[in-house]
C-alpha atoms as a PDB file:
ATOM      1  CA  UNK A   1     -31.644  -1.560  47.529  1.00  0.00           C
ATOM      2  CA  UNK A   2     -28.380  -3.184  48.568  1.00  0.00           C
ATOM      3  CA  UNK A   3     -26.684   0.243  48.508  1.00  0.00           C
ATOM      4  CA  UNK A   4     -29.386   1.655  50.790  1.00  0.00           C
ATOM      5  CA  UNK A   5     -28.977  -1.187  53.310  1.00  0.00           C
ATOM      6  CA  UNK A   6     -25.169  -0.709  53.269  1.00  0.00           C
ATOM      7  CA  UNK A   7     -25.567   3.007  53.884  1.00  0.00           C
ATOM      8  CA  UNK A   8     -27.943   2.459  56.814  1.00  0.00           C
ATOM      9  CA  UNK A   9     -25.690  -0.214  58.344  1.00  0.00           C
ATOM     10  CA  UNK A  10     -22.618   2.011  58.123  1.00  0.00           C
ATOM     11  CA  UNK A  11     -24.412   4.930  59.707  1.00  0.00           C
ATOM     12  CA  UNK A  12     -25.715   2.745  62.539  1.00  0.00           C
ATOM     13  CA  UNK A  13     -22.101   1.869  63.336  1.00  0.00           C
ATOM     14  CA  UNK A  14     -21.244   5.535  63.591  1.00  0.00           C
ATOM     15  CA  UNK A  15     -19.411   6.262  60.368  1.00  0.00           C
ATOM     16  CA  UNK A  16     -20.196   7.151  56.790  1.00  0.00           C
ATOM     17  CA  UNK A  17     -19.986   4.581  53.985  1.00  0.00           C
ATOM     18  CA  UNK A  18     -16.756   4.561  51.950  1.00  0.00           C
ATOM     19  CA  UNK A  19     -18.350   6.061  48.868  1.00  0.00           C
ATOM     20  CA  UNK A  20     -19.798   8.946  50.852  1.00  0.00           C
ATOM     21  CA  UNK A  21     -16.969   9.721  53.245  1.00  0.00           C
ATOM     22  CA  UNK A  22     -15.133  12.920  52.185  1.00  0.00           C
ATOM     23  CA  UNK A  23     -11.403  13.466  52.503  1.00  0.00           C
ATOM     24  CA  UNK A  24     -10.423  16.611  54.386  1.00  0.00           C
ATOM     25  CA  UNK A  25      -7.444  18.456  52.942  1.00  0.00           C
ATOM     26  CA  UNK A  26      -5.926  21.588  54.437  1.00  0.00           C
ATOM     27  CA  UNK A  27      -4.007  24.092  52.329  1.00  0.00           C
ATOM     28  CA  UNK A  28      -2.609  27.270  53.881  1.00  0.00           C
ATOM     29  CA  UNK A  29      -5.073  27.101  56.750  1.00  0.00           C
ATOM     30  CA  UNK A  30      -8.092  26.458  54.502  1.00  0.00           C
ATOM     31  CA  UNK A  31      -9.800  23.089  54.669  1.00  0.00           C
ATOM     32  CA  UNK A  32     -12.007  21.545  52.006  1.00  0.00           C
ATOM     33  CA  UNK A  33     -13.855  18.274  51.567  1.00  0.00           C
ATOM     34  CA  UNK A  34     -12.794  16.398  48.436  1.00  0.00           C
ATOM     35  CA  UNK A  35     -14.603  13.175  47.657  1.00  0.00           C
ATOM     36  CA  UNK A  36     -12.947  10.311  45.755  1.00  0.00           C
ATOM     37  CA  UNK A  37     -15.163  11.140  42.786  1.00  0.00           C
ATOM     38  CA  UNK A  38     -13.919  14.744  42.870  1.00  0.00           C
ATOM     39  CA  UNK A  39     -10.300  13.599  42.952  1.00  0.00           C
ATOM     40  CA  UNK A  40     -10.869  11.322  39.976  1.00  0.00           C
ATOM     41  CA  UNK A  41     -12.549  14.130  38.034  1.00  0.00           C
ATOM     42  CA  UNK A  42      -9.645  16.474  38.798  1.00  0.00           C
ATOM     43  CA  UNK A  43      -7.104  13.887  37.658  1.00  0.00           C
ATOM     44  CA  UNK A  44      -9.066  13.223  34.474  1.00  0.00           C
ATOM     45  CA  UNK A  45      -9.260  16.968  33.765  1.00  0.00           C
ATOM     46  CA  UNK A  46      -5.494  17.406  34.183  1.00  0.00           C
ATOM     47  CA  UNK A  47      -4.843  14.386  31.986  1.00  0.00           C
ATOM     48  CA  UNK A  48      -7.198  15.718  29.314  1.00  0.00           C
ATOM     49  CA  UNK A  49      -5.551  19.146  29.349  1.00  0.00           C
ATOM     50  CA  UNK A  50      -2.102  17.579  29.139  1.00  0.00           C
ATOM     51  CA  UNK A  51      -3.081  15.489  26.120  1.00  0.00           C
ATOM     52  CA  UNK A  52      -4.688  18.546  24.528  1.00  0.00           C
ATOM     53  CA  UNK A  53      -1.506  20.599  25.010  1.00  0.00           C
ATOM     54  CA  UNK A  54       0.657  17.831  23.556  1.00  0.00           C
ATOM     55  CA  UNK A  55      -1.725  17.465  20.629  1.00  0.00           C
ATOM     56  CA  UNK A  56      -1.646  21.186  19.825  1.00  0.00           C
ATOM     57  CA  UNK A  57       2.147  21.213  20.011  1.00  0.00           C
ATOM     58  CA  UNK A  58       2.469  18.262  17.625  1.00  0.00           C
ATOM     59  CA  UNK A  59      -0.060  19.803  15.250  1.00  0.00           C
ATOM     60  CA  UNK A  60       1.745  23.166  15.232  1.00  0.00           C
ATOM     61  CA  UNK A  61       5.085  21.442  14.699  1.00  0.00           C
ATOM     62  CA  UNK A  62       3.700  19.508  11.728  1.00  0.00           C
ATOM     63  CA  UNK A  63       2.180  22.686  10.272  1.00  0.00           C
ATOM     64  CA  UNK A  64       5.487  24.568  10.580  1.00  0.00           C
ATOM     65  CA  UNK A  65       7.484  21.708   9.032  1.00  0.00           C
ATOM     66  CA  UNK A  66       5.059  21.315   6.120  1.00  0.00           C
ATOM     67  CA  UNK A  67       5.052  25.075   5.552  1.00  0.00           C
ATOM     68  CA  UNK A  68       8.842  25.378   5.494  1.00  0.00           C
ATOM     69  CA  UNK A  69       9.677  22.203   3.585  1.00  0.00           C
ATOM     70  CA  UNK A  70       6.784  21.536   1.195  1.00  0.00           C
ATOM     71  CA  UNK A  71       4.792  24.673   0.421  1.00  0.00           C
ATOM     72  CA  UNK A  72       7.599  26.301  -1.588  1.00  0.00           C
ATOM     73  CA  UNK A  73       6.190  24.226  -4.460  1.00  0.00           C
ATOM     74  CA  UNK A  74       3.050  26.376  -4.514  1.00  0.00           C
ATOM     75  CA  UNK A  75       4.783  29.678  -3.701  1.00  0.00           C
ATOM     76  CA  UNK A  76       3.648  32.728  -5.676  1.00  0.00           C
ATOM     77  CA  UNK A  77       5.967  35.756  -5.853  1.00  0.00           C
ATOM     78  CA  UNK A  78       7.923  34.296  -2.953  1.00  0.00           C
ATOM     79  CA  UNK A  79       4.806  33.990  -0.783  1.00  0.00           C
ATOM     80  CA  UNK A  80       3.357  30.777   0.586  1.00  0.00           C
ATOM     81  CA  UNK A  81       0.449  30.074   2.964  1.00  0.00           C
ATOM     82  CA  UNK A  82       1.283  30.614   6.622  1.00  0.00           C
ATOM     83  CA  UNK A  83      -0.372  27.557   8.169  1.00  0.00           C
ATOM     84  CA  UNK A  84       0.604  28.483  11.734  1.00  0.00           C
ATOM     85  CA  UNK A  85      -0.953  31.914  11.272  1.00  0.00           C
ATOM     86  CA  UNK A  86      -4.200  30.275  10.151  1.00  0.00           C
ATOM     87  CA  UNK A  87      -4.167  28.024  13.219  1.00  0.00           C
ATOM     88  CA  UNK A  88      -3.545  30.957  15.562  1.00  0.00           C
ATOM     89  CA  UNK A  89      -6.375  33.049  14.104  1.00  0.00           C
ATOM     90  CA  UNK A  90      -8.770  30.102  14.190  1.00  0.00           C
ATOM     91  CA  UNK A  91      -8.030  29.311  17.829  1.00  0.00           C
ATOM     92  CA  UNK A  92      -8.146  32.963  18.908  1.00  0.00           C
ATOM     93  CA  UNK A  93     -11.493  33.556  17.209  1.00  0.00           C
ATOM     94  CA  UNK A  94     -12.987  30.355  18.624  1.00  0.00           C
ATOM     95  CA  UNK A  95     -11.552  30.282  22.157  1.00  0.00           C
ATOM     96  CA  UNK A  96     -10.556  33.877  22.948  1.00  0.00           C
ATOM     97  CA  UNK A  97      -7.274  35.789  23.274  1.00  0.00           C
ATOM     98  CA  UNK A  98      -5.776  33.841  26.192  1.00  0.00           C
ATOM     99  CA  UNK A  99      -5.722  30.448  24.551  1.00  0.00           C
ATOM    100  CA  UNK A 100      -4.954  32.096  21.226  1.00  0.00           C
ATOM    101  CA  UNK A 101      -1.845  33.776  22.649  1.00  0.00           C
ATOM    102  CA  UNK A 102      -0.689  30.474  24.153  1.00  0.00           C
ATOM    103  CA  UNK A 103      -1.037  28.774  20.765  1.00  0.00           C
ATOM    104  CA  UNK A 104       0.575  31.802  19.095  1.00  0.00           C
ATOM    105  CA  UNK A 105       3.572  31.692  21.414  1.00  0.00           C
ATOM    106  CA  UNK A 106       4.147  27.982  20.827  1.00  0.00           C
ATOM    107  CA  UNK A 107       3.505  28.185  17.099  1.00  0.00           C
ATOM    108  CA  UNK A 108       5.665  31.269  16.646  1.00  0.00           C
ATOM    109  CA  UNK A 109       8.535  29.717  18.592  1.00  0.00           C
ATOM    110  CA  UNK A 110       8.289  26.551  16.491  1.00  0.00           C
ATOM    111  CA  UNK A 111       8.413  28.673  13.327  1.00  0.00           C
ATOM    112  CA  UNK A 112      11.468  30.551  14.617  1.00  0.00           C
ATOM    113  CA  UNK A 113      13.290  27.292  15.324  1.00  0.00           C
ATOM    114  CA  UNK A 114      12.241  25.466  12.145  1.00  0.00           C
ATOM    115  CA  UNK A 115      12.851  28.493   9.919  1.00  0.00           C
ATOM    116  CA  UNK A 116      16.290  29.163  11.346  1.00  0.00           C
ATOM    117  CA  UNK A 117      15.717  32.894  11.731  1.00  0.00           C
ATOM    118  CA  UNK A 118      16.155  35.118  14.783  1.00  0.00           C
ATOM    119  CA  UNK A 119      14.292  33.738  17.783  1.00  0.00           C
ATOM    120  CA  UNK A 120      11.323  35.883  18.713  1.00  0.00           C
ATOM    121  CA  UNK A 121      10.335  37.331  15.332  1.00  0.00           C
ATOM    122  CA  UNK A 122       7.531  34.904  14.530  1.00  0.00           C
ATOM    123  CA  UNK A 123       6.720  34.459  18.210  1.00  0.00           C
ATOM    124  CA  UNK A 124       6.105  38.180  18.751  1.00  0.00           C
ATOM    125  CA  UNK A 125       4.006  38.526  15.621  1.00  0.00           C
ATOM    126  CA  UNK A 126       1.844  35.486  16.370  1.00  0.00           C
ATOM    127  CA  UNK A 127       1.190  36.468  19.992  1.00  0.00           C
ATOM    128  CA  UNK A 128       0.156  39.992  18.991  1.00  0.00           C
ATOM    129  CA  UNK A 129      -2.021  38.586  16.204  1.00  0.00           C
ATOM    130  CA  UNK A 130      -3.720  36.168  18.618  1.00  0.00           C
ATOM    131  CA  UNK A 131      -4.530  38.966  21.066  1.00  0.00           C
ATOM    132  CA  UNK A 132      -6.101  41.163  18.401  1.00  0.00           C
ATOM    133  CA  UNK A 133      -7.982  38.259  16.791  1.00  0.00           C
ATOM    134  CA  UNK A 134      -9.328  37.123  20.158  1.00  0.00           C
ATOM    135  CA  UNK A 135     -10.661  40.605  20.897  1.00  0.00           C
ATOM    136  CA  UNK A 136     -12.299  40.739  17.468  1.00  0.00           C
ATOM    137  CA  UNK A 137     -13.887  37.339  18.071  1.00  0.00           C
ATOM    138  CA  UNK A 138     -15.684  38.752  21.111  1.00  0.00           C
ATOM    139  CA  UNK A 139     -17.465  41.390  19.059  1.00  0.00           C
ATOM    140  CA  UNK A 140     -18.144  39.703  15.716  1.00  0.00           C
ATOM    141  CA  UNK A 141     -19.558  36.416  14.472  1.00  0.00           C
ATOM    142  CA  UNK A 142     -16.250  34.578  14.517  1.00  0.00           C
ATOM    143  CA  UNK A 143     -17.381  31.656  12.347  1.00  0.00           C
ATOM    144  CA  UNK A 144     -18.609  33.841   9.491  1.00  0.00           C
ATOM    145  CA  UNK A 145     -16.464  33.189   6.385  1.00  0.00           C
ATOM    146  CA  UNK A 146     -16.061  36.883   5.559  1.00  0.00           C
ATOM    147  CA  UNK A 147     -14.914  37.660   9.104  1.00  0.00           C
ATOM    148  CA  UNK A 148     -12.391  34.829   8.925  1.00  0.00           C
ATOM    149  CA  UNK A 149     -10.949  35.955   5.600  1.00  0.00           C
ATOM    150  CA  UNK A 150     -10.719  39.631   6.606  1.00  0.00           C
ATOM    151  CA  UNK A 151      -9.100  38.851   9.977  1.00  0.00           C
ATOM    152  CA  UNK A 152      -6.591  36.488   8.349  1.00  0.00           C
ATOM    153  CA  UNK A 153      -5.610  38.970   5.626  1.00  0.00           C
ATOM    154  CA  UNK A 154      -5.269  41.913   8.006  1.00  0.00           C
ATOM    155  CA  UNK A 155      -3.491  39.695  10.526  1.00  0.00           C
ATOM    156  CA  UNK A 156      -1.071  38.526   7.864  1.00  0.00           C
ATOM    157  CA  UNK A 157      -0.185  42.126   7.012  1.00  0.00           C
ATOM    158  CA  UNK A 158       0.212  42.905  10.706  1.00  0.00           C
ATOM    159  CA  UNK A 159       2.564  39.968  11.272  1.00  0.00           C
ATOM    160  CA  UNK A 160       4.628  41.022   8.255  1.00  0.00           C
ATOM    161  CA  UNK A 161       4.902  44.547   9.675  1.00  0.00           C
ATOM    162  CA  UNK A 162       6.043  43.192  13.054  1.00  0.00           C
ATOM    163  CA  UNK A 163       8.598  40.973  11.311  1.00  0.00           C
ATOM    164  CA  UNK A 164       9.856  43.941   9.282  1.00  0.00           C
ATOM    165  CA  UNK A 165      10.406  46.041  12.410  1.00  0.00           C
ATOM    166  CA  UNK A 166      12.113  43.273  14.382  1.00  0.00           C
ATOM    167  CA  UNK A 167      14.276  42.099  11.477  1.00  0.00           C
ATOM    168  CA  UNK A 168      15.431  45.668  10.900  1.00  0.00           C
ATOM    169  CA  UNK A 169      17.183  45.512  14.266  1.00  0.00           C
ATOM    170  CA  UNK A 170      18.459  41.950  13.870  1.00  0.00           C
ATOM    171  CA  UNK A 171      21.851  40.735  12.678  1.00  0.00           C
ATOM    172  CA  UNK A 172      20.364  39.930   9.284  1.00  0.00           C
ATOM    173  CA  UNK A 173      19.673  43.619   8.812  1.00  0.00           C
ATOM    174  CA  UNK A 174      17.723  45.424   6.138  1.00  0.00           C
ATOM    175  CA  UNK A 175      17.929  42.633   3.549  1.00  0.00           C
ATOM    176  CA  UNK A 176      15.773  40.244   5.559  1.00  0.00           C
ATOM    177  CA  UNK A 177      13.428  43.083   6.511  1.00  0.00           C
ATOM    178  CA  UNK A 178      12.893  44.055   2.870  1.00  0.00           C
ATOM    179  CA  UNK A 179      12.290  40.419   1.957  1.00  0.00           C
ATOM    180  CA  UNK A 180       9.637  40.155   4.670  1.00  0.00           C
ATOM    181  CA  UNK A 181       7.807  43.297   3.573  1.00  0.00           C
ATOM    182  CA  UNK A 182       8.033  42.540  -0.171  1.00  0.00           C
ATOM    183  CA  UNK A 183       6.009  39.343   0.248  1.00  0.00           C
ATOM    184  CA  UNK A 184       3.518  40.833   2.717  1.00  0.00           C
ATOM    185  CA  UNK A 185       0.703  41.626   0.255  1.00  0.00           C
ATOM    186  CA  UNK A 186       0.973  38.408  -1.834  1.00  0.00           C
ATOM    187  CA  UNK A 187       1.053  36.328   1.327  1.00  0.00           C
ATOM    188  CA  UNK A 188      -1.963  38.140   2.779  1.00  0.00           C
ATOM    189  CA  UNK A 189      -4.006  37.345  -0.339  1.00  0.00           C
ATOM    190  CA  UNK A 190      -2.694  33.779  -0.390  1.00  0.00           C
ATOM    191  CA  UNK A 191      -3.682  33.246   3.232  1.00  0.00           C
ATOM    192  CA  UNK A 192      -7.095  34.739   2.537  1.00  0.00           C
ATOM    193  CA  UNK A 193      -7.686  32.363  -0.377  1.00  0.00           C
ATOM    194  CA  UNK A 194      -6.917  29.209   1.602  1.00  0.00           C
ATOM    195  CA  UNK A 195      -8.719  30.397   4.748  1.00  0.00           C
ATOM    196  CA  UNK A 196     -12.179  28.858   4.072  1.00  0.00           C
ATOM    197  CA  UNK A 197     -10.760  25.401   3.325  1.00  0.00           C
ATOM    198  CA  UNK A 198      -8.359  25.499   6.259  1.00  0.00           C
ATOM    199  CA  UNK A 199     -10.985  26.716   8.712  1.00  0.00           C
ATOM    200  CA  UNK A 200     -13.372  23.921   7.701  1.00  0.00           C
ATOM    201  CA  UNK A 201     -10.540  21.454   8.328  1.00  0.00           C
ATOM    202  CA  UNK A 202      -9.832  23.008  11.728  1.00  0.00           C
ATOM    203  CA  UNK A 203     -13.495  23.090  12.773  1.00  0.00           C
ATOM    204  CA  UNK A 204     -14.373  19.554  11.695  1.00  0.00           C
ATOM    205  CA  UNK A 205     -11.142  17.621  12.295  1.00  0.00           C
ATOM    206  CA  UNK A 206      -8.757  19.394  14.676  1.00  0.00           C
ATOM    207  CA  UNK A 207     -10.794  21.361  17.220  1.00  0.00           C
ATOM    208  CA  UNK A 208     -13.166  18.496  18.178  1.00  0.00           C
ATOM    209  CA  UNK A 209     -10.133  16.322  18.996  1.00  0.00           C
ATOM    210  CA  UNK A 210      -7.916  18.857  20.739  1.00  0.00           C
ATOM    211  CA  UNK A 211     -10.415  21.010  22.591  1.00  0.00           C
ATOM    212  CA  UNK A 212     -14.069  22.012  23.031  1.00  0.00           C
ATOM    213  CA  UNK A 213     -15.867  23.321  19.973  1.00  0.00           C
ATOM    214  CA  UNK A 214     -16.441  26.700  21.569  1.00  0.00           C
ATOM    215  CA  UNK A 215     -15.103  28.401  24.647  1.00  0.00           C
ATOM    216  CA  UNK A 216     -16.496  31.337  26.557  1.00  0.00           C
ATOM    217  CA  UNK A 217     -14.353  34.378  25.750  1.00  0.00           C
END
């Protein structure tokens, strides 16, 4: 009631009340009315996206550090789970190729830096993997366990093939390339085995905190 009286009084005096009055902003000859509520929503959205980006970066960094420094304990035939790969596939299947490639680029770069290898090897493989996984997620039931396992195993083999090609032309030469390809099959099976547990962890713990549960592809 008080709000109604305030509105009527303001309009009788020839101007709109403060909570209704829009702010006119011109950009490149185009004007638009932006209310204070709209500005607050825009600021909150940018803040939320910034925190989400920082959270994903920290999570990928932790995954890469754990993978390089701790998982050698459970290595089989020189292969260990690729946690960053599992994150990239999960995000690409859930949110589509664009966000997946962004996560793949960051995660691959972190792996390149933490692992001490040539910059761009892991980055290239993870970005390509995210693109393919995101396209697959558009056409299949992305949350089905069998789909997850198959995409992870095939994606692991694909990343190993990309690493083999790029390492063949690097300063480390054929030795590093042969090492990458010799562990390709064991690592693909290893990644496939841990996929269900890791994806449950991502779906229940990580994705609700760092982004929406699903995103239109």
